[in-house]
Amino acid sequence: MRRRHLLASLPLLAAPATLRAQAPWPERPVRILVPFAPGGNTDGLARLTAEMLQAEIPGGSFVVENRTGAGGLIAAEAMVRAPADGHTLMMVAVAVLAVAPAAMAQAPRFDPVADVTPIVNLGTNPFVLMAHRSVGAADLPALIDWMRARSGSFPYASGGVGSFQHLSMALLLQRLGIQAEHVPYRGGAPALADLIAGNAPVMFANLSEAVPHAQSTAVKLYGISSLTRAAALPDVPAIAEVVPEFETITWNGLMGPKGMPPALVARLHGIVAAALQRPAVQARMAQIGADPLGEGPEPFAQRLRADVARWGDVVRSAGIRLQ
């Protein structure tokens, strides 16, 4: 009788777990964490994603929450520590997981690969190698010759220590065997302003920042950091045309804590990937300065693993340190 009683009670014991597993999502507002201040590319893509999800999930509430500090690791740690039920997500920039963990004096208290669930990589954008007109180089090979002749004695600007502008130049100089002095600014805009003014000879700028200066007489655009030329700058060669396989691109993708239900991950990816095919959304992406991608969970995870290894090596070899 005792055995029959225990067996009979098993469905009752399992029922709450089953009901929880079948509970609708979302049950409460979904937070999309952003590791940077409002107004940048990552923030813009997070707000666009919230709109895309809101349009397809009536009754759902999607709230963008900016949580800055420690190169994005404060937001990332909040995300990985949250329950894996889909109510805490994060718009992740590549530097947060592939650069900051290697550059911080104290390693983060989580694994940037194993402790996250990649959902969808929204888009990428390359950088543009620019120089002030005083450099006087006619093309990319001539600019490389200019840098090589001044190895160790010329500065370059960037949007900050550990920024992808910084890392792009560090990687290029490493590939070419050239030394230069890094001059970090508080963002790409002031760095570009000093380049235009002639206070810095050379830098990498975000594509969206560089395009308006394509016809400028103050600066010259020499190369794109993607493997192929950018549609917005068809006359500017890819750096890879001169330095084989050179590539630096940044990406922004939606992630959650490890262990998220695969069905929910697939649903979120499907909604965002489909929305990225719409002309209106693509126009918004162009305004933000990103090329739509819609990469799914597995290829996104592979990209993350490769970038963590690659940029960790660059950070360590360049001696980059974040406070």
Protein backbone atom coordinates (compact mmCIF):
# COMPACT_ATOMS: atom_id res chain seq x y z
CA MET A 1 0.00 0.00 0.00
CA ARG A 2 2.85 2.35 0.84
CA ARG A 3 4.40 1.70 -2.60
CA ARG A 4 1.09 2.36 -4.36
CA HIS A 5 0.69 5.57 -2.37
CA LEU A 6 4.15 6.80 -3.35
CA LEU A 7 3.62 5.97 -7.02
CA ALA A 8 0.27 7.68 -7.01
CA SER A 9 1.81 10.82 -5.55
CA LEU A 10 4.55 11.11 -8.20
CA PRO A 11 2.38 12.93 -10.80
CA LEU A 12 1.40 15.43 -8.12
CA LEU A 13 5.04 16.03 -7.23
CA ALA A 14 5.97 16.50 -10.89
CA ALA A 15 3.05 18.73 -11.75
CA PRO A 16 4.50 22.06 -10.52
CA ALA A 17 7.73 21.52 -12.48
CA THR A 18 5.76 20.61 -15.60
CA LEU A 19 3.58 23.67 -15.25
CA ARG A 20 6.64 25.84 -14.79
CA ALA A 21 8.24 24.38 -17.91
CA GLN A 22 5.10 25.18 -19.92
CA ALA A 23 4.62 28.65 -18.47
CA PRO A 24 4.26 31.38 -21.12
CA TRP A 25 7.16 33.71 -21.78
CA PRO A 26 7.58 36.41 -20.79
CA GLU A 27 5.89 36.29 -17.40
CA ARG A 28 7.25 39.72 -16.41
CA PRO A 29 9.25 42.56 -18.03
CA VAL A 30 12.38 41.42 -19.87
CA ARG A 31 15.54 43.43 -19.19
CA ILE A 32 18.00 43.95 -22.05
CA LEU A 33 21.22 45.09 -20.40
CA VAL A 34 23.54 47.46 -22.26
CA PRO A 35 27.15 47.71 -21.03
CA PHE A 36 27.64 51.28 -22.28
CA ALA A 37 26.03 54.68 -21.90
CA PRO A 38 22.98 55.64 -23.97
CA GLY A 39 23.53 56.93 -27.49
CA GLY A 40 26.14 54.55 -28.91
CA ASN A 41 25.84 51.71 -31.43
CA THR A 42 25.28 49.02 -28.79
CA ASP A 43 22.58 51.04 -27.07
CA GLY A 44 20.86 51.79 -30.39
CA LEU A 45 20.81 48.12 -31.36
CA ALA A 46 19.44 47.12 -27.96
CA ARG A 47 16.56 49.58 -28.33
CA LEU A 48 15.90 48.39 -31.88
CA THR A 49 15.83 44.79 -30.63
CA ALA A 50 13.36 45.70 -27.88
CA GLU A 51 11.10 47.20 -30.55
CA MET A 52 11.41 44.11 -32.77
CA LEU A 53 10.50 41.78 -29.90
CA GLN A 54 7.67 44.01 -28.70
CA ALA A 55 6.13 44.00 -32.19
CA GLU A 56 6.07 40.20 -32.35
CA ILE A 57 5.19 39.41 -28.74
CA PRO A 58 2.05 41.40 -27.86
CA GLY A 59 1.70 41.93 -24.15
CA GLY A 60 5.41 41.50 -23.54
CA SER A 61 7.47 44.27 -21.99
CA PHE A 62 11.09 44.80 -23.02
CA VAL A 63 13.14 47.34 -21.08
CA VAL A 64 16.64 48.53 -22.00
CA GLU A 65 18.83 49.04 -18.94
CA ASN A 66 22.23 50.76 -19.28
CA ARG A 67 24.70 49.39 -16.76
CA THR A 68 28.19 50.77 -17.37
CA GLY A 69 31.61 50.15 -15.87
CA ALA A 70 34.68 47.89 -16.02
CA GLY A 71 34.71 47.71 -19.80
CA GLY A 72 31.23 46.23 -19.82
CA LEU A 73 31.98 43.47 -17.30
CA ILE A 74 29.59 44.84 -14.66
CA ALA A 75 26.66 44.35 -17.01
CA ALA A 76 28.00 41.00 -18.22
CA GLU A 77 28.32 39.65 -14.68
CA ALA A 78 24.78 40.76 -13.88
CA MET A 79 23.58 38.90 -16.95
CA VAL A 80 25.43 35.62 -16.29
CA ARG A 81 24.28 35.60 -12.64
CA ALA A 82 20.62 36.04 -13.59
CA PRO A 83 18.19 33.07 -13.87
CA ALA A 84 18.32 31.47 -17.32
CA ASP A 85 14.59 31.96 -17.88
CA GLY A 86 14.87 34.59 -20.61
CA HIS A 87 13.92 37.57 -18.46
CA THR A 88 17.46 39.00 -18.37
CA LEU A 89 19.23 39.39 -21.71
CA MET A 90 22.13 41.55 -22.83
CA MET A 91 23.22 43.33 -25.99
CA VAL A 92 26.87 42.33 -26.03
CA ALA A 93 29.65 44.08 -27.94
CA VAL A 94 32.62 41.92 -28.89
CA ALA A 95 35.02 43.94 -26.74
CA VAL A 96 33.05 43.13 -23.57
CA LEU A 97 33.69 39.38 -23.74
CA ALA A 98 36.74 39.15 -26.04
CA VAL A 99 38.81 42.12 -24.84
CA ALA A 100 37.89 43.27 -21.33
CA PRO A 101 38.43 39.88 -19.61
CA ALA A 102 42.00 39.71 -20.97
CA ALA A 103 42.75 43.38 -20.33
CA MET A 104 41.55 43.70 -16.74
CA ALA A 105 44.15 43.37 -14.00
CA GLN A 106 41.75 41.06 -12.15
CA ALA A 107 40.04 38.37 -14.22
CA PRO A 108 36.22 38.40 -14.21
CA ARG A 109 34.38 35.93 -12.01
CA PHE A 110 32.80 34.17 -14.96
CA ASP A 111 33.82 32.42 -18.16
CA PRO A 112 33.11 34.65 -21.21
CA VAL A 113 32.36 31.61 -23.36
CA ALA A 114 30.97 28.90 -21.10
CA ASP A 115 28.71 31.10 -18.97
CA VAL A 116 26.66 32.72 -21.76
CA THR A 117 24.04 31.65 -24.27
CA PRO A 118 24.54 33.31 -27.68
CA ILE A 119 21.13 33.96 -29.25
CA VAL A 120 21.52 36.15 -32.34
CA ASN A 121 24.33 38.30 -33.69
CA LEU A 122 22.54 41.36 -35.05
CA GLY A 123 25.26 43.00 -37.07
CA THR A 124 28.85 43.93 -37.66
CA ASN A 125 30.76 46.99 -38.69
CA PRO A 126 34.34 47.52 -39.85
CA PHE A 127 36.72 50.40 -39.27
CA VAL A 128 38.44 52.80 -41.64
CA LEU A 129 42.15 53.63 -41.56
CA MET A 130 42.42 57.41 -41.95
CA ALA A 131 45.26 59.92 -41.94
CA HIS A 132 45.59 63.69 -41.89
CA ARG A 133 46.42 65.32 -45.22
CA SER A 134 49.86 66.31 -43.89
CA VAL A 135 50.90 62.65 -44.07
CA GLY A 136 50.76 62.99 -47.84
CA ALA A 137 50.64 59.28 -48.71
CA ALA A 138 48.96 58.59 -52.05
CA ASP A 139 47.55 55.16 -51.19
CA LEU A 140 47.62 52.38 -48.59
CA PRO A 141 51.04 50.95 -49.55
CA ALA A 142 52.47 54.48 -49.37
CA LEU A 143 50.88 55.01 -45.94
CA ILE A 144 52.44 51.76 -44.71
CA ASP A 145 55.81 52.97 -46.02
CA TRP A 146 55.25 56.26 -44.17
CA MET A 147 54.58 54.42 -40.90
CA ARG A 148 57.48 52.04 -41.39
CA ALA A 149 59.92 54.92 -41.99
CA ARG A 150 58.76 56.51 -38.69
CA SER A 151 58.47 53.33 -36.61
CA GLY A 152 58.64 54.22 -32.93
CA SER A 153 58.34 57.96 -33.50
CA PHE A 154 54.74 58.65 -34.56
CA PRO A 155 51.48 58.62 -32.55
CA TYR A 156 48.08 57.29 -33.44
CA ALA A 157 44.71 58.22 -31.96
CA SER A 158 41.85 55.99 -30.81
CA GLY A 159 38.57 56.19 -28.96
CA GLY A 160 40.13 54.78 -25.79
CA VAL A 161 42.32 52.08 -24.30
CA GLY A 162 40.99 48.68 -25.36
CA SER A 163 38.59 50.13 -27.92
CA PHE A 164 38.41 48.36 -31.26
CA GLN A 165 39.97 51.43 -32.83
CA HIS A 166 42.94 50.85 -30.53
CA LEU A 167 43.00 47.10 -31.15
CA SER A 168 42.70 47.49 -34.93
CA MET A 169 45.81 49.65 -35.06
CA ALA A 170 47.65 47.46 -32.55
CA LEU A 171 46.95 44.40 -34.71
CA LEU A 172 47.98 46.16 -37.93
CA LEU A 173 51.22 47.43 -36.40
CA GLN A 174 51.89 43.97 -35.02
CA ARG A 175 51.39 42.41 -38.44
CA LEU A 176 53.70 44.99 -40.05
CA GLY A 177 56.37 44.95 -37.34
CA ILE A 178 55.98 48.70 -36.72
CA GLN A 179 56.06 50.55 -33.39
CA ALA A 180 53.95 53.64 -32.58
CA GLU A 181 52.66 55.59 -29.60
CA HIS A 182 49.01 55.13 -28.67
CA VAL A 183 47.11 58.32 -27.75
CA PRO A 184 43.69 57.39 -26.31
CA TYR A 185 40.74 59.80 -26.28
CA ARG A 186 37.40 59.69 -24.48
CA GLY A 187 35.57 58.32 -27.50
CA GLY A 188 35.91 58.14 -31.24
CA ALA A 189 34.43 61.59 -31.92
CA PRO A 190 37.12 63.62 -30.09
CA ALA A 191 39.85 61.43 -31.57
CA LEU A 192 38.53 62.07 -35.08
CA ALA A 193 38.23 65.79 -34.36
CA ASP A 194 41.91 65.91 -33.44
CA LEU A 195 42.81 63.96 -36.57
CA ILE A 196 40.91 66.47 -38.73
CA ALA A 197 42.63 69.32 -36.89
CA GLY A 198 46.04 67.79 -37.58
CA ASN A 199 46.86 67.04 -33.95
CA ALA A 200 47.02 63.28 -34.66
CA PRO A 201 48.36 61.89 -37.93
CA VAL A 202 46.55 58.56 -38.19
CA MET A 203 43.77 56.47 -36.65
CA PHE A 204 41.09 53.86 -37.24
CA ALA A 205 37.55 55.30 -37.15
CA ASN A 206 34.17 53.59 -37.13
CA LEU A 207 32.75 53.26 -40.63
CA SER A 208 29.76 55.45 -39.74
CA GLU A 209 32.14 58.17 -38.49
CA ALA A 210 34.41 57.96 -41.53
CA VAL A 211 31.83 58.00 -44.35
CA PRO A 212 30.95 61.72 -43.98
CA HIS A 213 34.63 62.57 -44.52
CA ALA A 214 35.10 60.57 -47.72
CA GLN A 215 35.34 63.77 -49.79
CA SER A 216 37.15 65.83 -47.15
CA THR A 217 40.32 67.70 -48.02
CA ALA A 218 41.53 67.51 -44.40
CA VAL A 219 41.85 63.72 -44.23
CA LYS A 220 42.26 60.75 -46.54
CA LEU A 221 40.65 57.32 -46.18
CA TYR A 222 43.12 54.53 -46.90
CA GLY A 223 41.59 51.17 -46.05
CA ILE A 224 38.64 49.21 -44.66
CA SER A 225 39.26 46.67 -41.91
CA SER A 226 36.79 44.12 -43.30
CA LEU A 227 37.95 41.44 -45.73
CA THR A 228 36.02 43.08 -48.57
CA ARG A 229 35.27 46.67 -49.51
CA ALA A 230 32.34 48.45 -47.92
CA ALA A 231 29.37 49.41 -50.10
CA ALA A 232 29.38 52.85 -48.49
CA LEU A 233 33.01 53.43 -49.57
CA PRO A 234 33.51 51.42 -52.78
CA ASP A 235 36.68 53.28 -53.75
CA VAL A 236 38.45 52.57 -50.46
CA PRO A 237 40.32 49.25 -50.60
CA ALA A 238 40.14 46.55 -47.98
CA ILE A 239 43.37 46.49 -46.00
CA ALA A 240 43.42 42.75 -46.71
CA GLU A 241 44.18 43.60 -50.34
CA VAL A 242 47.63 44.76 -49.15
CA VAL A 243 48.00 42.94 -45.81
CA PRO A 244 46.62 39.44 -46.52
CA GLU A 245 43.77 38.25 -44.28
CA PHE A 246 43.84 41.36 -42.11
CA GLU A 247 40.40 41.83 -40.58
CA THR A 248 38.96 43.62 -37.57
CA ILE A 249 35.23 43.98 -37.24
CA THR A 250 33.09 44.60 -34.22
CA TRP A 251 29.75 42.92 -33.63
CA ASN A 252 26.76 43.35 -31.36
CA GLY A 253 24.64 40.38 -30.40
CA LEU A 254 21.87 39.35 -28.05
CA MET A 255 22.88 36.90 -25.33
CA GLY A 256 21.55 35.42 -22.11
CA PRO A 257 22.88 33.35 -19.22
CA LYS A 258 24.00 29.79 -19.87
CA GLY A 259 21.28 27.16 -19.75
CA MET A 260 18.51 29.07 -21.50
CA PRO A 261 15.79 26.79 -22.95
CA PRO A 262 16.73 25.95 -26.57
CA ALA A 263 13.15 26.53 -27.75
CA LEU A 264 13.19 30.07 -26.37
CA VAL A 265 16.62 30.75 -27.89
CA ALA A 266 15.34 29.54 -31.27
CA ARG A 267 12.22 31.69 -30.95
CA LEU A 268 14.19 34.85 -30.14
CA HIS A 269 16.65 34.21 -32.96
CA GLY A 270 13.82 33.65 -35.41
CA ILE A 271 12.05 36.89 -34.50
CA VAL A 272 15.17 39.05 -34.76
CA ALA A 273 16.59 37.36 -37.87
CA ALA A 274 13.28 37.78 -39.70
CA ALA A 275 13.01 41.43 -38.67
CA LEU A 276 16.53 42.12 -39.97
CA GLN A 277 15.29 41.24 -43.47
CA ARG A 278 12.83 44.14 -43.51
CA PRO A 279 13.88 47.30 -45.38
CA ALA A 280 12.75 49.59 -42.56
CA VAL A 281 14.88 47.71 -40.03
CA GLN A 282 17.84 47.65 -42.41
CA ALA A 283 17.51 51.41 -42.77
CA ARG A 284 17.63 51.75 -38.99
CA MET A 285 20.72 49.52 -38.89
CA ALA A 286 22.39 51.75 -41.48
CA GLN A 287 21.66 54.81 -39.35
CA ILE A 288 23.24 53.09 -36.37
CA GLY A 289 26.24 52.16 -38.51
CA ALA A 290 25.92 48.36 -38.57
CA ASP A 291 25.56 45.79 -41.33
CA PRO A 292 22.64 43.37 -40.62
CA LEU A 293 23.74 39.81 -39.97
CA GLY A 294 21.18 37.70 -38.07
CA GLU A 295 23.71 35.00 -37.20
CA GLY A 296 22.19 32.10 -35.26
CA PRO A 297 23.18 30.57 -31.92
CA GLU A 298 25.75 28.00 -33.06
CA PRO A 299 27.74 30.12 -35.55
CA PHE A 300 27.51 33.00 -33.09
CA ALA A 301 29.00 30.77 -30.38
CA GLN A 302 31.79 29.73 -32.73
CA ARG A 303 32.54 33.38 -33.53
CA LEU A 304 32.64 34.21 -29.82
CA ARG A 305 35.11 31.40 -29.07
CA ALA A 306 37.38 32.47 -31.93
CA ASP A 307 37.29 36.15 -30.96
CA VAL A 308 38.01 35.49 -27.29
CA ALA A 309 41.13 33.56 -28.29
CA ARG A 310 42.21 35.98 -31.00
CA TRP A 311 41.75 39.26 -29.17
CA GLY A 312 43.09 37.85 -25.92
CA ASP A 313 46.38 37.23 -27.74
CA VAL A 314 46.38 40.78 -29.18
CA VAL A 315 45.63 42.32 -25.78
CA ARG A 316 48.42 40.41 -24.09
CA SER A 317 51.01 41.01 -26.82
CA ALA A 318 50.20 44.74 -26.93
CA GLY A 319 50.32 45.03 -23.13
CA ILE A 320 46.84 46.59 -22.98
CA ARG A 321 45.51 47.10 -19.45
CA LEU A 322 42.13 48.42 -18.31
CA GLN A 323 41.55 49.88 -14.85
